[in-house]
Each structure stands twice: as C-alpha cells, then as structure tokens.
C-alpha cells in the first residue's frame, strides 16, 4: 500500500518492521531496534502535527537507523534517525546542501 500520510508510513512500514525484523536478513541490513522504531514513529507524528507533508519514502539504513526522505520540486529533505538515537535533518536544493542540523527530540523519547 502506498503511503499517502504519515499515519500510513507508521502503520504499513514502521510498525511492520517492528513486528517482522527478520525481513532484513536477506538484505544484509541491521534491522532497526524497537527504540529506533519508536523514535521514528514519534518523529513522524510530530512532523504530521506540524503539517509537514509525509515522506516520499522510508528506508532502513544499513546500520539499524531509519531514513525519511521527501522531494518537492528541486528541494530534497532527509530526516535520518541514527541507531544511537541522534536525528539529523538535511535539506538540498538541486545537488547543493543548504541546511544541515541535528534535531533535539528528547521530548519525543519514552
């Protein structure tokens, strides 16, 4: 099912990863931990609450993190939830990085 909302990404991608981490075995990818998935869910809910359009894709990184990315015209945004709980935001215009910052989301943690 294609993700049209942040809730779709939570329900059909992130929660499924938590229920079935073995799906990453054949991809040589470290599955995201429960705490990383919960942090990604909290970030998705916060972005939804702020009216940020949903990510075009959500993918695991090879080390147990999660990446949300979204493209709008020539702009490309990435939210990277690292396996250690750090969250970074990157914004590109065409191929130029125009913004990079670490996002403090302690209020999202359990």
N, C-alpha and C. Protein backbone atom coordinates (compact mmCIF):
# COMPACT_ATOMS: atom_id res chain seq x y z
N UNK A 1 0.84 -1.19 0.00
CA UNK A 1 0.00 0.00 0.00
C UNK A 1 0.88 1.24 0.00
N UNK A 2 0.64 2.16 -0.92
CA UNK A 2 1.44 3.39 -0.94
C UNK A 2 1.11 4.27 0.27
N UNK A 3 2.13 4.94 0.77
CA UNK A 3 1.95 5.81 1.93
C UNK A 3 1.52 7.19 1.47
N UNK A 4 0.31 7.59 1.83
CA UNK A 4 -0.19 8.91 1.47
C UNK A 4 -0.16 9.87 2.66
N UNK A 5 0.02 9.33 3.84
CA UNK A 5 0.04 10.15 5.05
C UNK A 5 1.14 9.63 5.98
N UNK A 6 1.49 10.44 6.95
CA UNK A 6 2.43 9.97 7.97
C UNK A 6 1.87 8.74 8.67
N UNK A 7 0.56 8.72 8.91
CA UNK A 7 -0.03 7.57 9.59
C UNK A 7 0.12 6.30 8.76
N UNK A 8 0.00 6.40 7.43
CA UNK A 8 0.24 5.24 6.57
C UNK A 8 1.67 4.73 6.73
N UNK A 9 2.64 5.65 6.78
CA UNK A 9 4.03 5.25 6.95
C UNK A 9 4.24 4.54 8.29
N UNK A 10 3.58 5.04 9.30
CA UNK A 10 3.66 4.40 10.62
C UNK A 10 3.02 3.01 10.57
N UNK A 11 1.78 2.95 10.08
CA UNK A 11 1.02 1.70 10.12
C UNK A 11 1.56 0.62 9.21
N UNK A 12 1.98 1.00 8.00
CA UNK A 12 2.32 -0.01 7.00
C UNK A 12 3.82 -0.20 6.79
N UNK A 13 4.63 0.60 7.41
CA UNK A 13 6.07 0.45 7.26
C UNK A 13 6.74 0.26 8.62
N UNK A 14 6.67 1.28 9.47
CA UNK A 14 7.42 1.24 10.72
C UNK A 14 6.92 0.15 11.67
N UNK A 15 5.63 0.05 11.84
CA UNK A 15 5.10 -0.99 12.74
C UNK A 15 5.39 -2.38 12.18
N UNK A 16 5.33 -2.52 10.87
CA UNK A 16 5.64 -3.82 10.24
C UNK A 16 7.10 -4.20 10.48
N UNK A 17 8.00 -3.21 10.41
CA UNK A 17 9.41 -3.51 10.70
C UNK A 17 9.57 -4.01 12.13
N UNK A 18 8.82 -3.43 13.05
CA UNK A 18 8.90 -3.87 14.43
C UNK A 18 8.34 -5.27 14.62
N UNK A 19 7.29 -5.59 13.90
CA UNK A 19 6.67 -6.93 14.00
C UNK A 19 7.51 -8.00 13.31
N UNK A 20 8.23 -7.62 12.27
CA UNK A 20 8.93 -8.61 11.46
C UNK A 20 10.36 -8.16 11.12
N UNK A 21 11.24 -8.09 12.11
CA UNK A 21 12.61 -7.65 11.83
C UNK A 21 13.40 -8.64 10.98
N UNK A 22 12.93 -9.89 10.89
CA UNK A 22 13.64 -10.89 10.08
C UNK A 22 13.61 -10.55 8.60
N UNK A 23 12.73 -9.66 8.17
CA UNK A 23 12.65 -9.31 6.75
C UNK A 23 13.93 -8.67 6.23
N UNK A 24 14.80 -8.22 7.14
CA UNK A 24 16.05 -7.57 6.73
C UNK A 24 17.20 -8.55 6.59
N UNK A 25 17.00 -9.82 6.97
CA UNK A 25 18.08 -10.80 6.94
C UNK A 25 18.70 -10.95 5.55
N UNK A 26 17.89 -11.02 4.52
CA UNK A 26 18.39 -11.23 3.16
C UNK A 26 18.99 -9.97 2.54
N UNK A 27 18.79 -8.82 3.17
CA UNK A 27 19.25 -7.56 2.60
C UNK A 27 20.57 -7.09 3.17
N UNK A 28 21.14 -7.88 4.10
CA UNK A 28 22.39 -7.51 4.75
C UNK A 28 22.28 -6.15 5.43
N UNK A 29 21.14 -5.93 6.07
CA UNK A 29 20.83 -4.68 6.77
C UNK A 29 20.54 -5.02 8.23
N UNK A 30 21.13 -4.26 9.12
CA UNK A 30 20.83 -4.41 10.54
C UNK A 30 19.43 -3.86 10.77
N UNK A 31 18.50 -4.66 11.30
CA UNK A 31 17.14 -4.13 11.50
C UNK A 31 17.12 -3.03 12.56
N UNK A 32 16.27 -2.04 12.39
CA UNK A 32 16.13 -1.02 13.42
C UNK A 32 15.65 -1.65 14.73
N UNK A 33 16.17 -1.15 15.82
CA UNK A 33 15.74 -1.64 17.13
C UNK A 33 14.35 -1.08 17.47
N UNK A 34 13.76 -1.65 18.47
CA UNK A 34 12.46 -1.16 18.93
C UNK A 34 12.53 0.31 19.29
N UNK A 35 13.59 0.72 19.98
CA UNK A 35 13.69 2.13 20.39
C UNK A 35 13.87 3.05 19.18
N UNK A 36 14.59 2.59 18.16
CA UNK A 36 14.74 3.41 16.95
C UNK A 36 13.41 3.53 16.22
N UNK A 37 12.67 2.45 16.15
CA UNK A 37 11.35 2.48 15.51
C UNK A 37 10.40 3.40 16.27
N UNK A 38 10.42 3.31 17.59
CA UNK A 38 9.55 4.19 18.39
C UNK A 38 9.93 5.65 18.21
N UNK A 39 11.20 5.93 18.11
CA UNK A 39 11.65 7.30 17.87
C UNK A 39 11.21 7.79 16.49
N UNK A 40 11.30 6.92 15.49
CA UNK A 40 10.84 7.27 14.15
C UNK A 40 9.33 7.52 14.13
N UNK A 41 8.58 6.73 14.86
CA UNK A 41 7.13 6.93 14.96
C UNK A 41 6.83 8.28 15.62
N UNK A 42 7.54 8.57 16.71
CA UNK A 42 7.33 9.85 17.40
C UNK A 42 7.68 11.02 16.49
N UNK A 43 8.77 10.90 15.72
CA UNK A 43 9.15 11.96 14.79
C UNK A 43 8.08 12.12 13.70
N UNK A 44 7.59 11.01 13.15
CA UNK A 44 6.55 11.07 12.12
C UNK A 44 5.29 11.74 12.66
N UNK A 45 4.91 11.41 13.89
CA UNK A 45 3.72 12.04 14.49
C UNK A 45 3.95 13.52 14.70
N UNK A 46 5.14 13.91 15.15
CA UNK A 46 5.43 15.33 15.37
C UNK A 46 5.43 16.09 14.05
N UNK A 47 6.02 15.52 13.01
CA UNK A 47 6.02 16.17 11.71
C UNK A 47 4.60 16.30 11.16
N UNK A 48 3.81 15.27 11.36
CA UNK A 48 2.41 15.32 10.94
C UNK A 48 1.67 16.44 11.67
N UNK A 49 1.88 16.52 12.98
CA UNK A 49 1.23 17.56 13.79
C UNK A 49 1.64 18.97 13.34
N UNK A 50 2.86 19.10 12.83
CA UNK A 50 3.35 20.39 12.36
C UNK A 50 2.90 20.71 10.93
N UNK A 51 2.22 19.76 10.31
CA UNK A 51 1.73 19.97 8.95
C UNK A 51 2.77 19.73 7.87
N UNK A 52 3.87 19.07 8.22
CA UNK A 52 4.89 18.75 7.24
C UNK A 52 4.36 17.64 6.34
N UNK A 53 4.44 17.79 5.02
CA UNK A 53 3.97 16.72 4.14
C UNK A 53 4.71 15.41 4.42
N UNK A 54 4.05 14.28 4.21
CA UNK A 54 4.69 13.00 4.53
C UNK A 54 5.89 12.71 3.63
N UNK A 55 6.77 11.87 4.14
CA UNK A 55 7.94 11.45 3.39
C UNK A 55 7.49 10.67 2.15
N UNK A 56 8.29 10.81 1.09
CA UNK A 56 8.04 10.01 -0.11
C UNK A 56 8.48 8.57 0.09
N UNK A 57 9.50 8.39 0.94
CA UNK A 57 9.94 7.03 1.24
C UNK A 57 10.52 6.98 2.65
N UNK A 58 10.47 5.79 3.19
CA UNK A 58 11.08 5.48 4.49
C UNK A 58 11.88 4.21 4.26
N UNK A 59 13.18 4.28 4.55
CA UNK A 59 14.04 3.12 4.32
C UNK A 59 14.95 2.93 5.53
N UNK A 60 15.35 1.68 5.77
CA UNK A 60 16.34 1.44 6.82
C UNK A 60 17.72 1.80 6.29
N UNK A 61 18.58 2.30 7.18
CA UNK A 61 19.97 2.42 6.76
C UNK A 61 20.67 1.10 7.12
N UNK A 62 21.84 0.83 6.62
CA UNK A 62 22.46 -0.48 6.84
C UNK A 62 22.86 -0.76 8.29
N UNK A 63 22.90 0.28 9.13
CA UNK A 63 23.40 0.13 10.49
C UNK A 63 22.31 0.16 11.55
N UNK A 64 21.05 0.02 11.16
CA UNK A 64 19.97 -0.01 12.13
C UNK A 64 19.24 1.31 12.29
N UNK A 65 19.55 2.30 11.48
CA UNK A 65 18.84 3.57 11.51
C UNK A 65 17.67 3.57 10.54
N UNK A 66 16.99 4.71 10.47
CA UNK A 66 15.83 4.87 9.59
C UNK A 66 15.95 6.23 8.91
N UNK A 67 15.62 6.26 7.61
CA UNK A 67 15.72 7.49 6.83
C UNK A 67 14.37 7.82 6.22
N UNK A 68 13.89 9.04 6.47
CA UNK A 68 12.71 9.59 5.79
C UNK A 68 13.24 10.54 4.73
N UNK A 69 12.73 10.45 3.51
CA UNK A 69 13.11 11.47 2.54
C UNK A 69 11.90 11.94 1.76
N UNK A 70 12.01 13.19 1.31
CA UNK A 70 10.89 13.83 0.61
C UNK A 70 11.45 14.80 -0.42
N UNK A 71 10.86 14.79 -1.59
CA UNK A 71 11.25 15.69 -2.66
C UNK A 71 10.07 16.57 -3.03
N UNK A 72 10.37 17.85 -3.23
CA UNK A 72 9.35 18.79 -3.69
C UNK A 72 10.03 19.74 -4.67
N UNK A 73 9.77 19.53 -5.95
CA UNK A 73 10.44 20.32 -6.97
C UNK A 73 11.93 20.05 -6.93
N UNK A 74 12.72 21.11 -6.80
CA UNK A 74 14.17 20.97 -6.74
C UNK A 74 14.69 20.79 -5.32
N UNK A 75 13.78 20.80 -4.34
CA UNK A 75 14.18 20.64 -2.94
C UNK A 75 14.06 19.18 -2.53
N UNK A 76 15.01 18.76 -1.73
CA UNK A 76 15.06 17.38 -1.23
C UNK A 76 15.38 17.44 0.24
N UNK A 77 14.55 16.80 1.08
CA UNK A 77 14.75 16.81 2.53
C UNK A 77 14.95 15.40 3.03
N UNK A 78 15.82 15.27 4.02
CA UNK A 78 16.11 13.98 4.63
C UNK A 78 16.09 14.14 6.15
N UNK A 79 15.37 13.25 6.81
CA UNK A 79 15.44 13.09 8.26
C UNK A 79 16.07 11.73 8.49
N UNK A 80 17.22 11.70 9.16
CA UNK A 80 17.94 10.45 9.40
C UNK A 80 17.93 10.18 10.90
N UNK A 81 17.28 9.11 11.28
CA UNK A 81 17.29 8.65 12.67
C UNK A 81 18.39 7.61 12.76
N UNK A 82 19.47 7.95 13.43
CA UNK A 82 20.61 7.05 13.57
C UNK A 82 20.33 6.01 14.64
N UNK A 83 21.04 4.92 14.59
CA UNK A 83 20.85 3.83 15.55
C UNK A 83 21.13 4.24 16.98
N UNK A 84 21.89 5.32 17.19
CA UNK A 84 22.18 5.79 18.56
C UNK A 84 21.13 6.78 19.07
N UNK A 85 20.08 7.03 18.27
CA UNK A 85 19.00 7.94 18.68
C UNK A 85 19.19 9.37 18.22
N UNK A 86 20.30 9.68 17.57
CA UNK A 86 20.50 11.01 17.02
C UNK A 86 19.62 11.18 15.78
N UNK A 87 19.07 12.38 15.62
CA UNK A 87 18.27 12.69 14.43
C UNK A 87 18.89 13.88 13.73
N UNK A 88 19.15 13.71 12.44
CA UNK A 88 19.71 14.79 11.63
C UNK A 88 18.73 15.16 10.52
N UNK A 89 18.72 16.45 10.21
CA UNK A 89 17.92 16.97 9.11
C UNK A 89 18.87 17.55 8.07
N UNK A 90 18.64 17.20 6.79
CA UNK A 90 19.40 17.75 5.67
C UNK A 90 18.41 18.28 4.65
N UNK A 91 18.74 19.43 4.09
CA UNK A 91 17.93 20.00 3.00
C UNK A 91 18.86 20.34 1.85
N UNK A 92 18.47 19.88 0.68
CA UNK A 92 19.25 20.11 -0.54
C UNK A 92 18.40 20.89 -1.52
N UNK A 93 19.02 21.78 -2.27
CA UNK A 93 18.41 22.40 -3.44
C UNK A 93 19.24 21.93 -4.62
N UNK A 94 18.58 21.24 -5.53
CA UNK A 94 19.28 20.54 -6.61
C UNK A 94 20.28 19.60 -5.95
N UNK A 95 21.55 19.80 -6.15
CA UNK A 95 22.53 18.92 -5.53
C UNK A 95 23.32 19.60 -4.41
N UNK A 96 22.94 20.82 -4.06
CA UNK A 96 23.68 21.57 -3.04
C UNK A 96 23.03 21.43 -1.67
N UNK A 97 23.84 21.06 -0.69
CA UNK A 97 23.37 21.02 0.69
C UNK A 97 23.21 22.44 1.18
N UNK A 98 21.99 22.82 1.58
CA UNK A 98 21.76 24.19 2.03
C UNK A 98 21.46 24.27 3.53
N UNK A 99 21.16 23.14 4.14
CA UNK A 99 20.90 23.15 5.58
C UNK A 99 21.20 21.77 6.13
N UNK A 100 21.86 21.75 7.28
CA UNK A 100 22.14 20.51 7.98
C UNK A 100 22.12 20.82 9.46
N UNK A 101 21.35 20.04 10.20
CA UNK A 101 21.33 20.25 11.65
C UNK A 101 20.90 18.99 12.37
N UNK A 102 21.32 18.92 13.60
CA UNK A 102 20.87 17.86 14.49
C UNK A 102 19.60 18.35 15.15
N UNK A 103 18.62 17.49 15.22
CA UNK A 103 17.34 17.86 15.81
C UNK A 103 17.27 17.29 17.22
N UNK A 104 17.01 18.15 18.16
CA UNK A 104 16.83 17.73 19.55
C UNK A 104 15.40 17.27 19.72
N UNK A 105 15.22 16.02 19.92
CA UNK A 105 13.86 15.50 20.06
C UNK A 105 13.71 14.70 21.36
N UNK A 106 14.39 15.16 22.40
CA UNK A 106 14.27 14.48 23.68
C UNK A 106 12.82 14.40 24.16
N UNK A 107 12.01 15.38 23.79
CA UNK A 107 10.62 15.36 24.21
C UNK A 107 9.84 14.24 23.53
N UNK A 108 10.42 13.63 22.48
CA UNK A 108 9.74 12.55 21.78
C UNK A 108 10.06 11.18 22.39
N UNK A 109 11.09 11.11 23.16
CA UNK A 109 11.52 9.82 23.71
C UNK A 109 10.60 9.37 24.81
N UNK A 110 10.58 8.06 25.01
CA UNK A 110 9.75 7.49 26.08
C UNK A 110 10.23 7.96 27.43
